[in-house]
């Protein structure tokens, strides 16, 4: 895929040499309060290298890097959603906590959404997050997503194997909402 470039960022295909920075971010994320709301990531250097190799094998997972330095600061993902009548994609993201609060996630996700609607022909993009992850909920609101559902869910993350239940929100951004937001903005 041709890199997506913004004023401050380059959103590009993963490379295997992104593995050390990806591992640093994953270790940081796994130690955070938000990790309980997600599947566990592998954390060894070899496992993360394998993840980076897998990410580098396609266009679904995109590395987000600072244009000025090339530093990896996170990733976005755009995966085709199966089993729908619309052309739908699912958005995911994770960013190094050292770069939170600077608008990088908004900028990277916006250029990924532009790519989904303009280049990939998406009719809608879906995503979800834990209700307790308020920074992610605010990001999705800034991007124009509508909350369309909620459900109690769980992941088996406790050391003793007990599930941790939590409230999760689902969101959608469809082409009509995006066009309406653009004409108002």
Protein backbone atom coordinates (compact mmCIF):
# COMPACT_ATOMS: atom_id res chain seq x y z
CA UNK A 1 0.00 0.00 0.00
CA UNK A 2 1.15 3.53 -0.69
CA UNK A 3 1.90 5.27 2.63
CA UNK A 4 -0.76 7.65 3.92
CA UNK A 5 0.90 10.94 4.81
CA UNK A 6 -0.36 13.73 7.04
CA UNK A 7 1.31 16.90 8.24
CA UNK A 8 2.96 15.03 11.14
CA UNK A 9 2.60 11.33 10.40
CA UNK A 10 3.30 8.58 7.93
CA UNK A 11 0.90 5.64 8.11
CA UNK A 12 2.53 2.79 6.24
CA UNK A 13 2.74 -0.97 5.96
CA UNK A 14 4.51 -2.68 8.82
CA UNK A 15 8.11 -3.81 8.45
CA UNK A 16 9.82 -6.53 10.44
CA UNK A 17 12.21 -3.92 11.85
CA UNK A 18 9.20 -2.31 13.61
CA UNK A 19 9.27 -5.25 16.06
CA UNK A 20 11.39 -3.62 18.83
CA UNK A 21 9.21 -0.48 18.97
CA UNK A 22 6.04 -2.59 18.73
CA UNK A 23 7.27 -4.70 21.65
CA UNK A 24 7.99 -1.58 23.71
CA UNK A 25 4.44 -0.36 23.07
CA UNK A 26 2.89 -3.78 23.80
CA UNK A 27 4.75 -4.10 27.11
CA UNK A 28 3.56 -0.63 28.07
CA UNK A 29 -0.02 -1.47 27.07
CA UNK A 30 -0.02 -4.82 28.89
CA UNK A 31 0.98 -3.00 32.10
CA UNK A 32 -1.85 -0.47 31.73
CA UNK A 33 -5.34 -0.50 33.22
CA UNK A 34 -6.79 -0.95 29.70
CA UNK A 35 -5.14 -4.34 29.05
CA UNK A 36 -7.87 -6.20 30.96
CA UNK A 37 -10.35 -5.17 28.24
CA UNK A 38 -8.43 -6.79 25.42
CA UNK A 39 -6.91 -10.10 24.36
CA UNK A 40 -3.43 -10.61 25.76
CA UNK A 41 -0.55 -9.81 23.46
CA UNK A 42 2.53 -12.00 23.27
CA UNK A 43 5.46 -10.18 24.85
CA UNK A 44 8.71 -12.03 24.11
CA UNK A 45 11.01 -10.52 21.50
CA UNK A 46 10.61 -13.60 19.27
CA UNK A 47 6.81 -13.58 19.54
CA UNK A 48 6.60 -9.86 18.75
CA UNK A 49 8.94 -10.34 15.81
CA UNK A 50 6.49 -12.97 14.54
CA UNK A 51 3.59 -10.53 15.00
CA UNK A 52 5.52 -7.83 13.10
CA UNK A 53 6.24 -10.32 10.29
CA UNK A 54 2.55 -11.24 10.12
CA UNK A 55 1.49 -7.56 10.18
CA UNK A 56 4.04 -6.84 7.41
CA UNK A 57 2.45 -9.50 5.20
CA UNK A 58 -0.59 -7.41 4.29
CA UNK A 59 -2.36 -4.08 4.31
CA UNK A 60 -4.62 -4.59 7.34
CA UNK A 61 -2.20 -3.43 10.07
CA UNK A 62 -0.50 -0.11 9.42
CA UNK A 63 2.41 1.34 11.37
CA UNK A 64 2.00 4.96 12.50
CA UNK A 65 5.30 6.84 12.48
CA UNK A 66 6.37 10.43 13.06
CA UNK A 67 7.24 11.96 9.68
CA UNK A 68 10.09 14.01 11.06
CA UNK A 69 11.98 11.13 12.71
CA UNK A 70 10.38 7.93 11.43
CA UNK A 71 9.73 6.85 15.04
CA UNK A 72 7.04 4.18 15.38
CA UNK A 73 4.33 5.46 17.78
CA UNK A 74 1.47 3.04 17.22
CA UNK A 75 -0.68 1.30 14.68
CA UNK A 76 -4.11 1.36 13.12
CA UNK A 77 -5.89 -1.58 11.56
CA UNK A 78 -8.55 -1.73 8.88
CA UNK A 79 -10.00 -5.16 8.31
CA UNK A 80 -12.78 -6.09 5.92
CA UNK A 81 -15.88 -7.27 7.78
CA UNK A 82 -17.29 -10.53 6.48
CA UNK A 83 -20.96 -11.42 6.20
CA UNK A 84 -22.48 -8.00 5.62
CA UNK A 85 -24.33 -6.68 2.59
CA UNK A 86 -22.38 -3.41 2.77
CA UNK A 87 -18.71 -2.92 2.14
CA UNK A 88 -17.68 -2.68 5.77
CA UNK A 89 -14.39 -2.39 7.60
CA UNK A 90 -13.43 -2.61 11.24
CA UNK A 91 -11.09 -0.01 12.76
CA UNK A 92 -8.60 -0.80 15.51
CA UNK A 93 -5.73 1.16 17.00
CA UNK A 94 -3.11 1.21 19.71
CA UNK A 95 -0.66 4.00 20.50
CA UNK A 96 2.42 4.37 22.65
CA UNK A 97 1.29 6.09 25.86
CA UNK A 98 4.20 8.55 25.57
CA UNK A 99 2.41 10.01 22.54
CA UNK A 100 -1.12 10.23 23.96
CA UNK A 101 -2.81 13.62 24.24
CA UNK A 102 -1.13 15.16 21.19
CA UNK A 103 -3.73 14.37 18.54
CA UNK A 104 -1.69 11.66 16.84
CA UNK A 105 -4.37 8.98 17.25
CA UNK A 106 -7.03 11.31 15.84
CA UNK A 107 -4.79 12.22 12.89
CA UNK A 108 -3.80 8.62 12.13
CA UNK A 109 -7.32 7.23 12.46
CA UNK A 110 -8.72 10.05 10.31
CA UNK A 111 -6.32 9.33 7.45
CA UNK A 112 -7.11 5.60 7.80
CA UNK A 113 -10.84 6.38 7.63
CA UNK A 114 -10.28 8.58 4.57
CA UNK A 115 -8.49 5.63 2.98
CA UNK A 116 -11.31 3.23 3.92
CA UNK A 117 -14.05 5.41 2.44
CA UNK A 118 -12.21 6.94 -0.51
CA UNK A 119 -9.82 4.22 -1.71
CA UNK A 120 -11.44 1.03 -0.41
CA UNK A 121 -15.05 2.07 -1.06
CA UNK A 122 -16.31 1.42 2.47
CA UNK A 123 -19.98 2.00 3.13
CA UNK A 124 -19.32 1.90 6.87
CA UNK A 125 -16.60 1.39 9.44
CA UNK A 126 -17.27 -0.27 12.78
CA UNK A 127 -15.29 -0.45 15.99
CA UNK A 128 -15.71 -1.03 19.69
CA UNK A 129 -14.13 -0.30 23.04
CA UNK A 130 -14.67 -0.85 26.73
CA UNK A 131 -17.01 1.71 28.26
CA UNK A 132 -14.36 2.35 30.91
CA UNK A 133 -11.85 3.36 28.24
CA UNK A 134 -13.02 6.95 28.12
CA UNK A 135 -10.04 8.24 26.09
CA UNK A 136 -10.98 5.79 23.33
CA UNK A 137 -14.67 6.74 23.56
CA UNK A 138 -13.73 10.43 23.18
CA UNK A 139 -11.48 9.64 20.21
CA UNK A 140 -14.30 7.82 18.45
CA UNK A 141 -16.67 10.73 19.08
CA UNK A 142 -14.10 13.16 17.60
CA UNK A 143 -13.90 10.95 14.52
CA UNK A 144 -17.68 11.09 14.06
CA UNK A 145 -18.59 7.55 15.18
CA UNK A 146 -22.05 6.90 16.63
CA UNK A 147 -22.47 4.53 19.54
CA UNK A 148 -24.92 1.88 18.35
CA UNK A 149 -24.82 -0.77 21.05
CA UNK A 150 -23.49 -2.07 24.29
CA UNK A 151 -22.99 -5.50 25.77
CA UNK A 152 -21.40 -7.14 28.75
CA UNK A 153 -18.44 -9.21 27.63
CA UNK A 154 -15.39 -10.87 29.16
CA UNK A 155 -11.89 -12.08 28.37
CA UNK A 156 -10.09 -14.79 30.33
CA UNK A 157 -7.28 -12.60 31.64
CA UNK A 158 -6.97 -13.34 35.37
CA UNK A 159 -4.09 -15.54 36.46
CA UNK A 160 -6.60 -17.98 37.97
CA UNK A 161 -8.55 -18.18 34.70
CA UNK A 162 -11.59 -16.30 35.97
CA UNK A 163 -13.28 -14.02 33.43
CA UNK A 164 -13.27 -10.28 33.91
CA UNK A 165 -16.66 -8.97 32.80
CA UNK A 166 -17.03 -5.43 31.52
CA UNK A 167 -19.35 -3.22 29.51
CA UNK A 168 -18.31 -2.77 25.87
CA UNK A 169 -19.66 -0.23 23.40
CA UNK A 170 -19.97 -0.73 19.66
CA UNK A 171 -19.70 2.18 17.21
CA UNK A 172 -20.33 2.82 13.53
CA UNK A 173 -19.39 5.52 11.07
CA UNK A 174 -21.24 5.22 7.79
CA UNK A 175 -20.71 7.03 4.53
CA UNK A 176 -23.80 9.25 4.94
CA UNK A 177 -22.74 10.37 8.43
CA UNK A 178 -19.24 11.09 7.21
CA UNK A 179 -20.46 13.14 4.24
CA UNK A 180 -22.90 15.03 6.50
CA UNK A 181 -20.15 15.81 8.99
CA UNK A 182 -17.84 17.02 6.21
CA UNK A 183 -20.45 19.37 4.77
CA UNK A 184 -21.11 20.86 8.23
CA UNK A 185 -17.45 21.21 9.18
